[in-house]
Amino acid sequence: MLRYRVLGPIEIQADDGPVEIPGRFQRTLLAALLVNTGRLVMAHSLVDELWGAHPPGNSENALQAHVSRLRRTLTKAQPHRSAPHIVSLPSGYRLLVEPDEVDADRFIRAVGYVRSRPDLDPAETTRRLRDALALWRGAAFGGDIGGFICQAAAIRYDEHRSSALELLFETELLIGRHAQVIAELSEFVESDSVNEKLCAQLMVALYRAGRQTDALALYRRVRGRLADELGIEPSPTLRNCERAILSHDPMLEARSQPIALRG
């Protein structure tokens, strides 16, 4: 089995070690096919992905050449596989993978399972979410590969990651682990200061840890960033959180539902 890793710089891992993917075009082609594993990707879409507005004059032949090179790379990495890695069709190409070969697919399935099981023990929920989030090694595709196909997929993966983080910290707050998650939450808020749910969760964690001044200072920083970067005011969720902290609302200490997520 090969392991395709796209939640970070794009990589392939074979049983005997990493597989070299030579050149930017090969990495971009592989990324575009992995985003659509098992599905046909039209040849013209792949041409756009590789060359954008400036395709070569013989773009169809150039694409075929890159597909052939990628096919040879995958065959060399897994020589005993009977099924082809890449299927050529009249209108495009299809990459065939096993269910657990792509880290992004494993991540999305794992988070989906947790969301479908609200009866899970909170400790099990946090363990599964942390295992899933550990698949991330940086920005999807390394942050600098591909055209529309890869860019749209990177946005989609990031949305899944943000959703998983929000659920993780919501669960951690529900079981009273506010002190343990402050440093981790602070890091994520620093890198994504316009994610208001994470900001509100950090405010609650700080308040519960006896750091009301820090929680209110965070609100002021986030409000300033939202105004400067997006020209908007904080959401009702964030404003409600500030008001609750100022009034020492008992709901801030509740373990049934963090006030930060009420809207």
Protein backbone atom coordinates (compact mmCIF):
# COMPACT_ATOMS: atom_id res chain seq x y z
CA MET A 1 0.00 0.00 0.00
CA LEU A 2 1.14 3.54 -0.76
CA ARG A 3 0.45 6.43 1.58
CA TYR A 4 -0.36 9.73 -0.07
CA ARG A 5 0.09 12.78 2.16
CA VAL A 6 -1.45 16.10 1.13
CA LEU A 7 -2.11 17.67 4.55
CA GLY A 8 1.25 19.40 4.34
CA PRO A 9 3.87 19.19 1.58
CA ILE A 10 2.73 16.52 -0.86
CA GLU A 11 4.47 13.21 -0.25
CA ILE A 12 4.22 9.52 -1.05
CA GLN A 13 5.30 6.87 1.42
CA ALA A 14 5.90 3.30 0.25
CA ASP A 15 6.58 0.29 2.47
CA ASP A 16 10.32 0.78 2.08
CA GLY A 17 10.39 4.56 2.51
CA PRO A 18 9.54 7.86 0.81
CA VAL A 19 8.96 8.04 -2.95
CA GLU A 20 10.57 10.88 -4.84
CA ILE A 21 8.12 12.95 -6.91
CA PRO A 22 10.33 14.68 -9.47
CA GLY A 23 9.40 18.22 -10.40
CA ARG A 24 6.61 20.70 -9.77
CA PHE A 25 4.46 19.45 -12.66
CA GLN A 26 4.49 15.90 -11.29
CA ARG A 27 3.51 17.09 -7.81
CA THR A 28 0.75 19.29 -9.16
CA LEU A 29 -0.61 16.53 -11.37
CA LEU A 30 -0.59 14.06 -8.49
CA ALA A 31 -2.28 16.57 -6.19
CA ALA A 32 -5.06 17.28 -8.70
CA LEU A 33 -5.69 13.55 -9.19
CA LEU A 34 -5.64 12.86 -5.44
CA VAL A 35 -8.27 15.54 -4.84
CA ASN A 36 -10.53 13.50 -7.14
CA THR A 37 -9.47 9.97 -6.20
CA GLY A 38 -11.47 7.41 -8.13
CA ARG A 39 -13.15 10.06 -10.26
CA LEU A 40 -12.44 11.18 -13.79
CA VAL A 41 -10.50 14.43 -14.07
CA MET A 42 -10.95 16.02 -17.46
CA ALA A 43 -7.78 16.54 -19.47
CA HIS A 44 -8.51 20.23 -20.05
CA SER A 45 -8.89 20.73 -16.27
CA LEU A 46 -5.49 19.17 -15.70
CA VAL A 47 -3.95 21.38 -18.39
CA ASP A 48 -5.38 24.43 -16.61
CA GLU A 49 -4.08 23.12 -13.29
CA LEU A 50 -0.54 22.63 -14.58
CA TRP A 51 -0.11 25.63 -16.85
CA GLY A 52 -2.91 28.08 -16.07
CA ALA A 53 -3.40 30.74 -18.74
CA HIS A 54 -0.16 29.82 -20.54
CA PRO A 55 -0.35 26.20 -21.70
CA PRO A 56 2.23 24.90 -24.17
CA GLY A 57 1.22 24.62 -27.79
CA ASN A 58 1.12 20.83 -27.57
CA SER A 59 -0.56 20.76 -24.17
CA GLU A 60 -2.32 17.43 -24.76
CA ASN A 61 0.95 15.67 -25.56
CA ALA A 62 2.71 17.43 -22.72
CA LEU A 63 0.01 16.30 -20.29
CA GLN A 64 0.25 12.72 -21.56
CA ALA A 65 4.01 12.81 -21.02
CA HIS A 66 3.60 13.96 -17.42
CA VAL A 67 0.94 11.32 -16.77
CA SER A 68 3.28 8.63 -18.16
CA ARG A 69 6.10 9.80 -15.90
CA LEU A 70 3.85 9.82 -12.86
CA ARG A 71 2.52 6.38 -13.74
CA ARG A 72 6.09 5.05 -13.93
CA THR A 73 6.91 6.61 -10.56
CA LEU A 74 3.90 4.95 -8.91
CA THR A 75 4.53 1.60 -10.59
CA LYS A 76 8.15 1.62 -9.46
CA ALA A 77 7.05 2.40 -5.91
CA GLN A 78 4.52 -0.47 -5.89
CA PRO A 79 5.72 -2.94 -8.53
CA HIS A 80 3.57 -5.90 -7.45
CA ARG A 81 0.24 -4.12 -7.69
CA SER A 82 -2.00 -5.75 -10.30
CA ALA A 83 -4.41 -2.85 -10.86
CA PRO A 84 -3.20 0.28 -12.66
CA HIS A 85 -2.55 3.39 -10.62
CA ILE A 86 -3.75 5.79 -13.31
CA VAL A 87 -6.47 4.92 -15.80
CA SER A 88 -6.41 6.78 -19.12
CA LEU A 89 -9.78 7.56 -20.65
CA PRO A 90 -10.62 9.44 -23.87
CA SER A 91 -11.52 12.61 -21.98
CA GLY A 92 -9.14 12.49 -19.02
CA TYR A 93 -7.52 10.44 -16.26
CA ARG A 94 -8.50 8.68 -13.07
CA LEU A 95 -6.26 7.80 -10.10
CA LEU A 96 -7.15 4.58 -8.29
CA VAL A 97 -6.31 4.39 -4.58
CA GLU A 98 -7.21 2.21 -1.62
CA PRO A 99 -9.62 3.64 1.01
CA ASP A 100 -6.91 4.46 3.57
CA GLU A 101 -4.15 5.62 1.24
CA VAL A 102 -4.87 9.39 1.29
CA ASP A 103 -4.41 11.27 4.58
CA ALA A 104 -7.06 13.89 3.73
CA ASP A 105 -9.66 11.17 3.19
CA ARG A 106 -8.75 9.50 6.49
CA PHE A 107 -8.96 12.85 8.27
CA ILE A 108 -12.39 13.73 6.91
CA ARG A 109 -13.76 10.25 7.67
CA ALA A 110 -12.43 10.34 11.23
CA VAL A 111 -13.98 13.72 11.97
CA GLY A 112 -17.23 12.67 10.33
CA TYR A 113 -17.37 9.58 12.53
CA VAL A 114 -16.99 11.67 15.69
CA ARG A 115 -19.71 14.07 14.56
CA SER A 116 -22.04 11.15 13.85
CA ARG A 117 -21.55 9.77 17.38
CA PRO A 118 -22.68 12.37 19.93
CA ASP A 119 -22.92 9.51 22.43
CA LEU A 120 -19.15 8.99 22.42
CA ASP A 121 -17.37 9.45 25.72
CA PRO A 122 -15.78 12.94 25.68
CA ALA A 123 -12.34 11.46 26.31
CA GLU A 124 -12.79 9.20 23.28
CA THR A 125 -14.00 12.16 21.24
CA THR A 126 -10.90 14.20 22.06
CA ARG A 127 -8.58 11.23 21.42
CA ARG A 128 -10.07 10.55 17.99
CA LEU A 129 -10.01 14.24 17.05
CA ARG A 130 -6.42 14.66 18.15
CA ASP A 131 -5.38 11.56 16.21
CA ALA A 132 -7.09 12.97 13.12
CA LEU A 133 -5.59 16.45 13.53
CA ALA A 134 -2.14 14.92 13.95
CA LEU A 135 -2.27 14.01 10.25
CA TRP A 136 -1.71 17.71 9.45
CA ARG A 137 1.95 18.66 8.88
CA GLY A 138 1.38 22.19 7.58
CA ALA A 139 -0.69 23.92 4.89
CA ALA A 140 -2.43 21.53 2.50
CA PHE A 141 -0.20 20.71 -0.50
CA GLY A 142 2.55 22.71 1.17
CA GLY A 143 0.63 25.91 0.47
CA ASP A 144 2.17 26.59 -2.92
CA ILE A 145 1.01 24.05 -5.47
CA GLY A 146 -1.61 23.83 -8.18
CA GLY A 147 -4.37 25.92 -9.65
CA PHE A 148 -8.11 25.99 -9.06
CA ILE A 149 -8.53 22.28 -8.26
CA CYS A 150 -5.86 22.24 -5.56
CA GLN A 151 -6.66 25.68 -4.21
CA ALA A 152 -10.35 24.84 -3.82
CA ALA A 153 -9.46 21.56 -2.13
CA ALA A 154 -7.04 23.32 0.23
CA ILE A 155 -9.81 25.71 1.30
CA ARG A 156 -12.17 22.77 1.83
CA TYR A 157 -9.60 20.84 3.89
CA ASP A 158 -8.89 23.94 5.98
CA GLU A 159 -12.60 24.32 6.70
CA HIS A 160 -12.75 20.71 7.88
CA ARG A 161 -9.70 21.32 10.07
CA SER A 162 -11.19 24.46 11.62
CA SER A 163 -14.42 22.60 12.32
CA ALA A 164 -12.49 19.73 13.94
CA LEU A 165 -10.51 22.16 16.11
CA GLU A 166 -13.68 23.92 17.24
CA LEU A 167 -15.26 20.58 18.20
CA LEU A 168 -12.09 19.45 19.96
CA PHE A 169 -11.82 22.53 22.14
CA GLU A 170 -15.56 22.61 22.77
CA THR A 171 -15.26 19.08 24.15
CA GLU A 172 -12.16 19.93 26.18
CA LEU A 173 -14.00 22.86 27.77
CA LEU A 174 -17.02 20.69 28.50
CA ILE A 175 -14.88 18.32 30.57
CA GLY A 176 -13.11 21.12 32.43
CA ARG A 177 -9.72 21.04 30.70
CA HIS A 178 -9.56 24.82 30.27
CA ALA A 179 -6.14 25.27 31.85
CA GLN A 180 -4.61 22.51 29.72
CA VAL A 181 -5.74 23.96 26.38
CA ILE A 182 -4.91 27.65 26.85
CA ALA A 183 -1.45 27.46 25.26
CA GLU A 184 -2.68 25.34 22.36
CA LEU A 185 -5.73 27.52 21.75
CA SER A 186 -3.58 30.64 21.91
CA GLU A 187 -1.37 29.29 19.14
CA PHE A 188 -4.31 28.59 16.85
CA VAL A 189 -5.93 31.96 17.58
CA GLU A 190 -2.65 33.71 16.80
CA SER A 191 -2.52 32.01 13.39
CA ASP A 192 -6.24 32.44 12.66
CA SER A 193 -7.37 35.51 14.56
CA VAL A 194 -10.63 35.86 12.62
CA ASN A 195 -11.95 32.44 13.71
CA GLU A 196 -14.38 33.81 16.26
CA LYS A 197 -15.36 30.45 17.74
CA LEU A 198 -11.77 29.65 18.63
CA CYS A 199 -11.34 33.17 20.02
CA ALA A 200 -14.47 32.80 22.15
CA GLN A 201 -13.30 29.40 23.39
CA LEU A 202 -9.96 30.89 24.40
CA MET A 203 -11.75 33.71 26.23
CA VAL A 204 -13.76 31.13 28.20
CA ALA A 205 -10.65 29.10 28.99
CA LEU A 206 -8.80 32.19 30.21
CA TYR A 207 -11.75 33.29 32.34
CA ARG A 208 -12.10 29.87 33.95
CA ALA A 209 -8.37 29.93 34.72
CA GLY A 210 -8.82 33.19 36.66
CA ARG A 211 -7.46 35.38 33.87
CA GLN A 212 -10.43 37.70 33.24
CA THR A 213 -8.17 40.62 32.26
CA ASP A 214 -6.43 38.51 29.60
CA ALA A 215 -9.79 37.28 28.27
CA LEU A 216 -11.07 40.84 27.84
CA ALA A 217 -7.77 41.99 26.32
CA LEU A 218 -8.09 39.17 23.77
CA TYR A 219 -11.58 40.37 22.87
CA ARG A 220 -10.28 43.89 22.25
CA ARG A 221 -7.45 42.59 20.04
CA VAL A 222 -9.80 40.41 18.01
CA ARG A 223 -12.31 43.25 17.63
CA GLY A 224 -9.52 45.49 16.33
CA ARG A 225 -8.31 42.86 13.85
CA LEU A 226 -11.82 42.24 12.54
CA ALA A 227 -12.28 45.97 12.01
CA ASP A 228 -8.87 46.46 10.39
CA GLU A 229 -8.78 43.34 8.21
CA LEU A 230 -12.45 42.80 7.34
CA GLY A 231 -14.21 46.01 8.28
CA ILE A 232 -16.75 44.18 10.47
CA GLU A 233 -17.81 44.04 14.10
CA PRO A 234 -17.50 40.88 16.24
CA SER A 235 -20.27 38.32 15.89
CA PRO A 236 -23.04 37.95 18.49
CA THR A 237 -21.18 34.85 19.76
CA LEU A 238 -18.09 36.86 20.61
CA ARG A 239 -20.03 39.84 21.99
CA ASN A 240 -22.12 37.54 24.19
CA CYS A 241 -18.92 36.00 25.50
CA GLU A 242 -17.51 39.43 26.43
CA ARG A 243 -20.75 40.44 28.19
CA ALA A 244 -20.80 37.16 30.10
CA ILE A 245 -17.25 37.68 31.31
CA LEU A 246 -17.97 41.27 32.38
CA SER A 247 -21.03 40.14 34.36
CA HIS A 248 -19.46 36.93 35.70
CA ASP A 249 -22.28 34.91 34.17
CA PRO A 250 -22.53 31.54 35.98
CA MET A 251 -23.01 29.85 32.60
CA LEU A 252 -19.30 30.43 31.95
CA GLU A 253 -18.55 27.71 34.48
CA ALA A 254 -21.23 25.33 33.20
CA ARG A 255 -20.10 22.00 31.81
CA SER A 256 -23.25 21.37 29.75
CA GLN A 257 -22.48 23.87 26.98
CA PRO A 258 -19.82 26.58 26.76
CA ILE A 259 -21.44 30.02 26.52
CA ALA A 260 -18.88 30.82 23.84
CA LEU A 261 -20.87 28.78 21.34
CA ARG A 262 -24.26 30.31 22.00
CA GLY A 263 -25.30 32.83 19.50
